[in-house]
Amino acid sequence: YRACLALQITNLLTRAMFASCLNMNDLPASVAFFSSVDVDQCLRKEPYMDCKTPSNPLGLEVAYDIRKGESLTIADILKVTDGQLQQKNNSTVNTK
């Protein structure tokens, strides 16, 4: 999920730089961020599709145990990552 946040931040910075070069001092949220970022284990058109085809009638979930992916908005990403790119330290080991 941190990669999704990094992708959104780089998109924001890129668009802000070009807007600034054009003397545009405001950047709407609908332009600043991608509408969503897809997180998936395989390449498919949409992360929620099971991709049943004549050559794969059972779909990816049943035939290959590949779960459906997810599509995250900037609000979802901020909720999951707490807005932090740094990895949380969940270690209970004493480092002293």
PDB file of N, CA and C in Angstrom:
ATOM      1  N   TYR A   1       0.814  -1.197   0.000  1.00  0.00           N
ATOM      2  CA  TYR A   1       0.000   0.000   0.000  1.00  0.00           C
ATOM      3  C   TYR A   1       0.861   1.266   0.000  1.00  0.00           C
ATOM      4  N   ARG A   2       2.090   1.138   0.536  1.00  0.00           N
ATOM      5  CA  ARG A   2       2.988   2.296   0.529  1.00  0.00           C
ATOM      6  C   ARG A   2       3.380   2.663  -0.896  1.00  0.00           C
ATOM      7  N   ALA A   3       3.467   1.663  -1.778  1.00  0.00           N
ATOM      8  CA  ALA A   3       3.773   1.945  -3.186  1.00  0.00           C
ATOM      9  C   ALA A   3       2.630   2.732  -3.832  1.00  0.00           C
ATOM     10  N   CYS A   4       1.399   2.421  -3.458  1.00  0.00           N
ATOM     11  CA  CYS A   4       0.236   3.180  -3.962  1.00  0.00           C
ATOM     12  C   CYS A   4       0.315   4.632  -3.511  1.00  0.00           C
ATOM     13  N   LEU A   5       0.677   4.831  -2.254  1.00  0.00           N
ATOM     14  CA  LEU A   5       0.810   6.196  -1.731  1.00  0.00           C
ATOM     15  C   LEU A   5       1.927   6.936  -2.459  1.00  0.00           C
ATOM     16  N   ALA A   6       3.048   6.263  -2.680  1.00  0.00           N
ATOM     17  CA  ALA A   6       4.165   6.885  -3.398  1.00  0.00           C
ATOM     18  C   ALA A   6       3.755   7.256  -4.823  1.00  0.00           C
ATOM     19  N   LEU A   7       2.989   6.400  -5.472  1.00  0.00           N
ATOM     20  CA  LEU A   7       2.507   6.681  -6.826  1.00  0.00           C
ATOM     21  C   LEU A   7       1.603   7.914  -6.837  1.00  0.00           C
ATOM     22  N   GLN A   8       0.710   8.001  -5.873  1.00  0.00           N
ATOM     23  CA  GLN A   8      -0.183   9.160  -5.785  1.00  0.00           C
ATOM     24  C   GLN A   8       0.602  10.446  -5.510  1.00  0.00           C
ATOM     25  N   ILE A   9       1.592  10.362  -4.629  1.00  0.00           N
ATOM     26  CA  ILE A   9       2.395  11.547  -4.292  1.00  0.00           C
ATOM     27  C   ILE A   9       3.200  12.019  -5.493  1.00  0.00           C
ATOM     28  N   THR A  10       3.813  11.090  -6.224  1.00  0.00           N
ATOM     29  CA  THR A  10       4.598  11.492  -7.397  1.00  0.00           C
ATOM     30  C   THR A  10       3.703  12.084  -8.473  1.00  0.00           C
ATOM     31  N   ASN A  11       2.494  11.565  -8.628  1.00  0.00           N
ATOM     32  CA  ASN A  11       1.552  12.148  -9.583  1.00  0.00           C
ATOM     33  C   ASN A  11       1.187  13.571  -9.161  1.00  0.00           C
ATOM     34  N   LEU A  12       0.941  13.757  -7.871  1.00  0.00           N
ATOM     35  CA  LEU A  12       0.622  15.088  -7.341  1.00  0.00           C
ATOM     36  C   LEU A  12       1.767  16.069  -7.602  1.00  0.00           C
ATOM     37  N   LEU A  13       2.993  15.657  -7.296  1.00  0.00           N
ATOM     38  CA  LEU A  13       4.142  16.545  -7.478  1.00  0.00           C
ATOM     39  C   LEU A  13       4.378  16.874  -8.949  1.00  0.00           C
ATOM     40  N   THR A  14       4.212  15.886  -9.819  1.00  0.00           N
ATOM     41  CA  THR A  14       4.402  16.107 -11.255  1.00  0.00           C
ATOM     42  C   THR A  14       3.377  17.098 -11.793  1.00  0.00           C
ATOM     43  N   ARG A  15       2.134  16.882 -11.444  1.00  0.00           N
ATOM     44  CA  ARG A  15       1.082  17.785 -11.926  1.00  0.00           C
ATOM     45  C   ARG A  15       1.228  19.182 -11.330  1.00  0.00           C
ATOM     46  N   ALA A  16       1.636  19.253 -10.067  1.00  0.00           N
ATOM     47  CA  ALA A  16       1.837  20.555  -9.420  1.00  0.00           C
ATOM     48  C   ALA A  16       2.972  21.325 -10.089  1.00  0.00           C
ATOM     49  N   MET A  17       4.030  20.615 -10.472  1.00  0.00           N
ATOM     50  CA  MET A  17       5.153  21.277 -11.137  1.00  0.00           C
ATOM     51  C   MET A  17       4.712  21.885 -12.472  1.00  0.00           C
ATOM     52  N   PHE A  18       3.978  21.100 -13.274  1.00  0.00           N
ATOM     53  CA  PHE A  18       3.534  21.615 -14.569  1.00  0.00           C
ATOM     54  C   PHE A  18       2.505  22.731 -14.407  1.00  0.00           C
ATOM     55  N   ALA A  19       1.626  22.612 -13.435  1.00  0.00           N
ATOM     56  CA  ALA A  19       0.648  23.676 -13.184  1.00  0.00           C
ATOM     57  C   ALA A  19       1.360  24.957 -12.763  1.00  0.00           C
ATOM     58  N   SER A  20       2.392  24.825 -11.941  1.00  0.00           N
ATOM     59  CA  SER A  20       3.162  25.982 -11.496  1.00  0.00           C
ATOM     60  C   SER A  20       3.879  26.649 -12.670  1.00  0.00           C
ATOM     61  N   CYS A  21       4.420  25.840 -13.574  1.00  0.00           N
ATOM     62  CA  CYS A  21       5.096  26.396 -14.759  1.00  0.00           C
ATOM     63  C   CYS A  21       4.132  27.183 -15.643  1.00  0.00           C
ATOM     64  N   LEU A  22       2.857  26.836 -15.574  1.00  0.00           N
ATOM     65  CA  LEU A  22       1.841  27.536 -16.361  1.00  0.00           C
ATOM     66  C   LEU A  22       1.167  28.652 -15.564  1.00  0.00           C
ATOM     67  N   ASN A  23       1.777  29.010 -14.419  1.00  0.00           N
ATOM     68  CA  ASN A  23       1.248  30.046 -13.524  1.00  0.00           C
ATOM     69  C   ASN A  23      -0.159  29.739 -13.019  1.00  0.00           C
ATOM     70  N   MET A  24      -0.446  28.465 -12.867  1.00  0.00           N
ATOM     71  CA  MET A  24      -1.716  28.040 -12.267  1.00  0.00           C
ATOM     72  C   MET A  24      -1.423  27.741 -10.800  1.00  0.00           C
ATOM     73  N   ASN A  25      -2.031  28.496  -9.907  1.00  0.00           N
ATOM     74  CA  ASN A  25      -1.720  28.380  -8.485  1.00  0.00           C
ATOM     75  C   ASN A  25      -2.650  27.451  -7.726  1.00  0.00           C
ATOM     76  N   ASP A  26      -3.541  26.791  -8.433  1.00  0.00           N
ATOM     77  CA  ASP A  26      -4.495  25.905  -7.775  1.00  0.00           C
ATOM     78  C   ASP A  26      -4.557  24.593  -8.544  1.00  0.00           C
ATOM     79  N   LEU A  27      -4.669  23.501  -7.818  1.00  0.00           N
ATOM     80  CA  LEU A  27      -4.741  22.186  -8.440  1.00  0.00           C
ATOM     81  C   LEU A  27      -5.890  21.417  -7.790  1.00  0.00           C
ATOM     82  N   PRO A  28      -6.984  21.202  -8.506  1.00  0.00           N
ATOM     83  CA  PRO A  28      -8.117  20.479  -7.920  1.00  0.00           C
ATOM     84  C   PRO A  28      -7.732  19.044  -7.548  1.00  0.00           C
ATOM     85  N   ALA A  29      -8.345  18.523  -6.511  1.00  0.00           N
ATOM     86  CA  ALA A  29      -8.049  17.155  -6.062  1.00  0.00           C
ATOM     87  C   ALA A  29      -8.350  16.138  -7.157  1.00  0.00           C
ATOM     88  N   SER A  30      -9.344  16.427  -7.989  1.00  0.00           N
ATOM     89  CA  SER A  30      -9.690  15.493  -9.067  1.00  0.00           C
ATOM     90  C   SER A  30      -8.589  15.400 -10.117  1.00  0.00           C
ATOM     91  N   VAL A  31      -7.735  16.409 -10.165  1.00  0.00           N
ATOM     92  CA  VAL A  31      -6.605  16.414 -11.098  1.00  0.00           C
ATOM     93  C   VAL A  31      -5.326  15.969 -10.389  1.00  0.00           C
ATOM     94  N   ALA A  32      -5.213  16.300  -9.124  1.00  0.00           N
ATOM     95  CA  ALA A  32      -3.982  16.043  -8.375  1.00  0.00           C
ATOM     96  C   ALA A  32      -3.722  14.558  -8.155  1.00  0.00           C
ATOM     97  N   PHE A  33      -4.776  13.775  -7.986  1.00  0.00           N
ATOM     98  CA  PHE A  33      -4.613  12.354  -7.665  1.00  0.00           C
ATOM     99  C   PHE A  33      -5.284  11.489  -8.718  1.00  0.00           C
ATOM    100  N   PHE A  34      -4.771  10.268  -8.879  1.00  0.00           N
ATOM    101  CA  PHE A  34      -5.452   9.291  -9.723  1.00  0.00           C
ATOM    102  C   PHE A  34      -6.796   8.971  -9.082  1.00  0.00           C
ATOM    103  N   SER A  35      -7.805   8.673  -9.878  1.00  0.00           N
ATOM    104  CA  SER A  35      -9.116   8.340  -9.314  1.00  0.00           C
ATOM    105  C   SER A  35      -9.022   7.090  -8.450  1.00  0.00           C
ATOM    106  N   SER A  36      -8.172   6.155  -8.846  1.00  0.00           N
ATOM    107  CA  SER A  36      -7.911   4.974  -8.024  1.00  0.00           C
ATOM    108  C   SER A  36      -6.640   4.295  -8.518  1.00  0.00           C
ATOM    109  N   VAL A  37      -6.074   3.480  -7.650  1.00  0.00           N
ATOM    110  CA  VAL A  37      -4.896   2.686  -7.994  1.00  0.00           C
ATOM    111  C   VAL A  37      -5.281   1.225  -7.792  1.00  0.00           C
ATOM    112  N   ASP A  38      -5.069   0.409  -8.816  1.00  0.00           N
ATOM    113  CA  ASP A  38      -5.416  -1.008  -8.735  1.00  0.00           C
ATOM    114  C   ASP A  38      -4.265  -1.803  -8.146  1.00  0.00           C
ATOM    115  N   VAL A  39      -4.591  -2.654  -7.181  1.00  0.00           N
ATOM    116  CA  VAL A  39      -3.611  -3.542  -6.559  1.00  0.00           C
ATOM    117  C   VAL A  39      -4.060  -4.962  -6.878  1.00  0.00           C
ATOM    118  N   ASP A  40      -3.200  -5.712  -7.553  1.00  0.00           N
ATOM    119  CA  ASP A  40      -3.588  -7.045  -7.999  1.00  0.00           C
ATOM    120  C   ASP A  40      -2.370  -7.953  -8.073  1.00  0.00           C
ATOM    121  N   GLN A  41      -2.619  -9.259  -8.089  1.00  0.00           N
ATOM    122  CA  GLN A  41      -1.534 -10.239  -8.173  1.00  0.00           C
ATOM    123  C   GLN A  41      -1.190 -10.595  -9.608  1.00  0.00           C
ATOM    124  N   CYS A  42      -2.071 -10.287 -10.538  1.00  0.00           N
ATOM    125  CA  CYS A  42      -1.827 -10.616 -11.940  1.00  0.00           C
ATOM    126  C   CYS A  42      -2.338  -9.475 -12.811  1.00  0.00           C
ATOM    127  N   LEU A  43      -2.004  -9.539 -14.080  1.00  0.00           N
ATOM    128  CA  LEU A  43      -2.405  -8.495 -15.018  1.00  0.00           C
ATOM    129  C   LEU A  43      -3.762  -8.850 -15.621  1.00  0.00           C
ATOM    130  N   ARG A  44      -4.754  -8.034 -15.348  1.00  0.00           N
ATOM    131  CA  ARG A  44      -6.083  -8.201 -15.929  1.00  0.00           C
ATOM    132  C   ARG A  44      -6.701  -6.825 -16.117  1.00  0.00           C
ATOM    133  N   LYS A  45      -7.768  -6.768 -16.900  1.00  0.00           N
ATOM    134  CA  LYS A  45      -8.364  -5.476 -17.237  1.00  0.00           C
ATOM    135  C   LYS A  45      -8.833  -4.723 -15.993  1.00  0.00           C
ATOM    136  N   GLU A  46      -9.549  -5.389 -15.121  1.00  0.00           N
ATOM    137  CA  GLU A  46     -10.036  -4.799 -13.876  1.00  0.00           C
ATOM    138  C   GLU A  46      -9.698  -5.745 -12.730  1.00  0.00           C
ATOM    139  N   PRO A  47      -9.326  -5.237 -11.572  1.00  0.00           N
ATOM    140  CA  PRO A  47      -8.879  -6.109 -10.482  1.00  0.00           C
ATOM    141  C   PRO A  47      -9.970  -7.008  -9.907  1.00  0.00           C
ATOM    142  N   TYR A  48     -11.223  -6.663 -10.127  1.00  0.00           N
ATOM    143  CA  TYR A  48     -12.314  -7.456  -9.573  1.00  0.00           C
ATOM    144  C   TYR A  48     -12.845  -8.519 -10.542  1.00  0.00           C
ATOM    145  N   MET A  49     -12.332  -8.558 -11.774  1.00  0.00           N
ATOM    146  CA  MET A  49     -12.798  -9.536 -12.766  1.00  0.00           C
ATOM    147  C   MET A  49     -12.163 -10.898 -12.502  1.00  0.00           C
ATOM    148  N   ASP A  50     -12.939 -11.959 -12.692  1.00  0.00           N
ATOM    149  CA  ASP A  50     -12.423 -13.313 -12.487  1.00  0.00           C
ATOM    150  C   ASP A  50     -11.805 -13.880 -13.755  1.00  0.00           C
ATOM    151  N   CYS A  51     -12.006 -13.242 -14.877  1.00  0.00           N
ATOM    152  CA  CYS A  51     -11.389 -13.601 -16.160  1.00  0.00           C
ATOM    153  C   CYS A  51     -11.723 -15.028 -16.598  1.00  0.00           C
ATOM    154  N   LYS A  52     -13.010 -15.330 -16.689  1.00  0.00           N
ATOM    155  CA  LYS A  52     -13.437 -16.625 -17.222  1.00  0.00           C
ATOM    156  C   LYS A  52     -13.422 -16.527 -18.739  1.00  0.00           C
ATOM    157  N   THR A  53     -12.767 -17.497 -19.385  1.00  0.00           N
ATOM    158  CA  THR A  53     -12.646 -17.526 -20.834  1.00  0.00           C
ATOM    159  C   THR A  53     -12.898 -18.948 -21.319  1.00  0.00           C
ATOM    160  N   PRO A  54     -13.039 -19.162 -22.634  1.00  0.00           N
ATOM    161  CA  PRO A  54     -13.207 -20.537 -23.126  1.00  0.00           C
ATOM    162  C   PRO A  54     -12.036 -21.448 -22.732  1.00  0.00           C
ATOM    163  N   SER A  55     -10.837 -20.907 -22.699  1.00  0.00           N
ATOM    164  CA  SER A  55      -9.684 -21.725 -22.313  1.00  0.00           C
ATOM    165  C   SER A  55      -9.488 -21.792 -20.799  1.00  0.00           C
ATOM    166  N   ASN A  56     -10.201 -20.954 -20.054  1.00  0.00           N
ATOM    167  CA  ASN A  56     -10.117 -20.942 -18.592  1.00  0.00           C
ATOM    168  C   ASN A  56     -11.540 -20.778 -18.025  1.00  0.00           C
ATOM    169  N   PRO A  57     -12.388 -21.818 -18.188  1.00  0.00           N
ATOM    170  CA  PRO A  57     -13.799 -21.682 -17.814  1.00  0.00           C
ATOM    171  C   PRO A  57     -14.051 -21.537 -16.317  1.00  0.00           C
ATOM    172  N   LEU A  58     -13.115 -21.948 -15.485  1.00  0.00           N
ATOM    173  CA  LEU A  58     -13.301 -21.854 -14.040  1.00  0.00           C
ATOM    174  C   LEU A  58     -12.920 -20.480 -13.492  1.00  0.00           C
ATOM    175  N   GLY A  59     -12.180 -19.731 -14.258  1.00  0.00           N
ATOM    176  CA  GLY A  59     -11.730 -18.419 -13.794  1.00  0.00           C
ATOM    177  C   GLY A  59     -10.450 -18.522 -12.984  1.00  0.00           C
ATOM    178  N   LEU A  60      -9.878 -17.386 -12.658  1.00  0.00           N
ATOM    179  CA  LEU A  60      -8.600 -17.355 -11.944  1.00  0.00           C
ATOM    180  C   LEU A  60      -8.730 -17.778 -10.489  1.00  0.00           C
ATOM    181  N   GLU A  61      -9.861 -17.435  -9.869  1.00  0.00           N
ATOM    182  CA  GLU A  61     -10.019 -17.704  -8.440  1.00  0.00           C
ATOM    183  C   GLU A  61     -10.109 -19.204  -8.154  1.00  0.00           C
ATOM    184  N   VAL A  62     -10.896 -19.924  -8.919  1.00  0.00           N
ATOM    185  CA  VAL A  62     -11.064 -21.364  -8.697  1.00  0.00           C
ATOM    186  C   VAL A  62      -9.901 -22.155  -9.279  1.00  0.00           C
ATOM    187  N   ALA A  63      -9.521 -21.859 -10.503  1.00  0.00           N
ATOM    188  CA  ALA A  63      -8.500 -22.657 -11.191  1.00  0.00           C
ATOM    189  C   ALA A  63      -7.090 -22.427 -10.660  1.00  0.00           C
ATOM    190  N   TYR A  64      -6.763 -21.208 -10.287  1.00  0.00           N
ATOM    191  CA  TYR A  64      -5.385 -20.885  -9.906  1.00  0.00           C
ATOM    192  C   TYR A  64      -5.247 -20.301  -8.504  1.00  0.00           C
ATOM    193  N   ASP A  65      -6.325 -20.213  -7.772  1.00  0.00           N
ATOM    194  CA  ASP A  65      -6.335 -19.667  -6.414  1.00  0.00           C
ATOM    195  C   ASP A  65      -5.777 -18.234  -6.373  1.00  0.00           C
ATOM    196  N   ILE A  66      -6.121 -17.458  -7.389  1.00  0.00           N
ATOM    197  CA  ILE A  66      -5.719 -16.049  -7.435  1.00  0.00           C
ATOM    198  C   ILE A  66      -6.934 -15.219  -7.041  1.00  0.00           C
ATOM    199  N   ARG A  67      -6.840 -14.586  -5.888  1.00  0.00           N
ATOM    200  CA  ARG A  67      -7.954 -13.773  -5.387  1.00  0.00           C
ATOM    201  C   ARG A  67      -8.124 -12.514  -6.220  1.00  0.00           C
ATOM    202  N   LYS A  68      -9.301 -11.933  -6.116  1.00  0.00           N
ATOM    203  CA  LYS A  68      -9.568 -10.676  -6.810  1.00  0.00           C
ATOM    204  C   LYS A  68      -8.732  -9.571  -6.179  1.00  0.00           C
ATOM    205  N   GLY A  69      -8.354  -8.614  -7.000  1.00  0.00           N
ATOM    206  CA  GLY A  69      -7.572  -7.485  -6.515  1.00  0.00           C
ATOM    207  C   GLY A  69      -8.484  -6.422  -5.930  1.00  0.00           C
ATOM    208  N   GLU A  70      -7.924  -5.255  -5.707  1.00  0.00           N
ATOM    209  CA  GLU A  70      -8.716  -4.156  -5.160  1.00  0.00           C
ATOM    210  C   GLU A  70      -8.332  -2.854  -5.836  1.00  0.00           C
ATOM    211  N   SER A  71      -9.252  -1.930  -5.813  1.00  0.00           N
ATOM    212  CA  SER A  71      -9.048  -0.613  -6.392  1.00  0.00           C
ATOM    213  C   SER A  71      -9.157   0.401  -5.261  1.00  0.00           C
ATOM    214  N   LEU A  72      -8.085   1.153  -5.019  1.00  0.00           N
ATOM    215  CA  LEU A  72      -8.020   2.047  -3.867  1.00  0.00           C
ATOM    216  C   LEU A  72      -8.003   3.514  -4.289  1.00  0.00           C
ATOM    217  N   THR A  73      -8.881   4.303  -3.701  1.00  0.00           N
ATOM    218  CA  THR A  73      -8.858   5.752  -3.916  1.00  0.00           C
ATOM    219  C   THR A  73      -7.805   6.353  -2.989  1.00  0.00           C
ATOM    220  N   ILE A  74      -7.534   7.628  -3.148  1.00  0.00           N
ATOM    221  CA  ILE A  74      -6.555   8.283  -2.276  1.00  0.00           C
ATOM    222  C   ILE A  74      -7.022   8.231  -0.823  1.00  0.00           C
ATOM    223  N   ALA A  75      -8.320   8.334  -0.586  1.00  0.00           N
ATOM    224  CA  ALA A  75      -8.840   8.253   0.789  1.00  0.00           C
ATOM    225  C   ALA A  75      -8.586   6.870   1.384  1.00  0.00           C
ATOM    226  N   ASP A  76      -8.791   5.822   0.583  1.00  0.00           N
ATOM    227  CA  ASP A  76      -8.531   4.455   1.048  1.00  0.00           C
ATOM    228  C   ASP A  76      -7.053   4.269   1.381  1.00  0.00           C
ATOM    229  N   ILE A  77      -6.194   4.783   0.510  1.00  0.00           N
ATOM    230  CA  ILE A  77      -4.748   4.637   0.703  1.00  0.00           C
ATOM    231  C   ILE A  77      -4.298   5.364   1.967  1.00  0.00           C
ATOM    232  N   LEU A  78      -4.814   6.567   2.171  1.00  0.00           N
ATOM    233  CA  LEU A  78      -4.449   7.326   3.373  1.00  0.00           C
ATOM    234  C   LEU A  78      -4.926   6.625   4.637  1.00  0.00           C
ATOM    235  N   LYS A  79      -6.074   5.991   4.561  1.00  0.00           N
ATOM    236  CA  LYS A  79      -6.606   5.272   5.716  1.00  0.00           C
ATOM    237  C   LYS A  79      -5.728   4.060   6.054  1.00  0.00           C
ATOM    238  N   VAL A  80      -5.313   3.318   5.038  1.00  0.00           N
ATOM    239  CA  VAL A  80      -4.513   2.110   5.253  1.00  0.00           C
ATOM    240  C   VAL A  80      -3.093   2.445   5.713  1.00  0.00           C
ATOM    241  N   THR A  81      -2.495   3.489   5.129  1.00  0.00           N
ATOM    242  CA  THR A  81      -1.091   3.814   5.421  1.00  0.00           C
ATOM    243  C   THR A  81      -0.922   4.876   6.497  1.00  0.00           C
ATOM    244  N   ASP A  82      -2.007   5.457   6.959  1.00  0.00           N
ATOM    245  CA  ASP A  82      -1.958   6.601   7.879  1.00  0.00           C
ATOM    246  C   ASP A  82      -1.184   7.766   7.265  1.00  0.00           C
ATOM    247  N   GLY A  83      -1.124   7.812   5.943  1.00  0.00           N
ATOM    248  CA  GLY A  83      -0.430   8.890   5.251  1.00  0.00           C
ATOM    249  C   GLY A  83       1.080   8.834   5.384  1.00  0.00           C
ATOM    250  N   GLN A  84       1.621   7.689   5.760  1.00  0.00           N
ATOM    251  CA  GLN A  84       3.058   7.537   5.994  1.00  0.00           C
ATOM    252  C   GLN A  84       3.680   6.614   4.949  1.00  0.00           C
ATOM    253  N   LEU A  85       4.774   7.056   4.352  1.00  0.00           N
ATOM    254  CA  LEU A  85       5.523   6.190   3.445  1.00  0.00           C
ATOM    255  C   LEU A  85       6.446   5.247   4.211  1.00  0.00           C
ATOM    256  N   GLN A  86       6.821   5.663   5.400  1.00  0.00           N
ATOM    257  CA  GLN A  86       7.730   4.848   6.205  1.00  0.00           C
ATOM    258  C   GLN A  86       6.989   3.624   6.735  1.00  0.00           C
ATOM    259  N   GLN A  87       7.670   2.484   6.698  1.00  0.00           N
ATOM    260  CA  GLN A  87       7.070   1.244   7.179  1.00  0.00           C
ATOM    261  C   GLN A  87       6.896   1.294   8.692  1.00  0.00           C
ATOM    262  N   LYS A  88       5.756   0.801   9.157  1.00  0.00           N
ATOM    263  CA  LYS A  88       5.503   0.766  10.592  1.00  0.00           C
ATOM    264  C   LYS A  88       6.411  -0.264  11.238  1.00  0.00           C
ATOM    265  N   ASN A  89       6.920   0.060  12.419  1.00  0.00           N
ATOM    266  CA  ASN A  89       7.770  -0.872  13.149  1.00  0.00           C
ATOM    267  C   ASN A  89       6.892  -1.617  14.145  1.00  0.00           C
ATOM    268  N   ASN A  90       6.485  -2.830  13.773  1.00  0.00           N
ATOM    269  CA  ASN A  90       5.628  -3.644  14.625  1.00  0.00           C
ATOM    270  C   ASN A  90       6.438  -4.649  15.429  1.00  0.00           C
ATOM    271  N   SER A  91       7.732  -4.507  15.426  1.00  0.00           N
ATOM    272  CA  SER A  91       8.602  -5.459  16.106  1.00  0.00           C
ATOM    273  C   SER A  91       8.468  -5.324  17.616  1.00  0.00           C
ATOM    274  N   THR A  92       8.446  -6.456  18.303  1.00  0.00           N
ATOM    275  CA  THR A  92       8.389  -6.462  19.769  1.00  0.00           C
ATOM    276  C   THR A  92       9.750  -6.799  20.357  1.00  0.00           C
ATOM    277  N   VAL A  93      10.762  -6.911  19.503  1.00  0.00           N
ATOM    278  CA  VAL A  93      12.109  -7.244  19.952  1.00  0.00           C
ATOM    279  C   VAL A  93      12.774  -5.996  20.519  1.00  0.00           C
ATOM    280  N   ASN A  94      13.390  -6.119  21.684  1.00  0.00           N
ATOM    281  CA  ASN A  94      14.101  -5.006  22.303  1.00  0.00           C
ATOM    282  C   ASN A  94      15.436  -4.831  21.588  1.00  0.00           C
ATOM    283  N   THR A  95      15.696  -3.648  21.059  1.00  0.00           N
ATOM    284  CA  THR A  95      16.915  -3.411  20.282  1.00  0.00           C
ATOM    285  C   THR A  95      18.042  -2.821  21.112  1.00  0.00           C
ATOM    286  N   LYS A  96      17.889  -2.737  22.429  1.00  0.00           N
ATOM    287  CA  LYS A  96      18.945  -2.166  23.275  1.00  0.00           C
ATOM    288  C   LYS A  96      20.054  -3.157  23.507  1.00  0.00           C
TER     289      LYS A  96
END
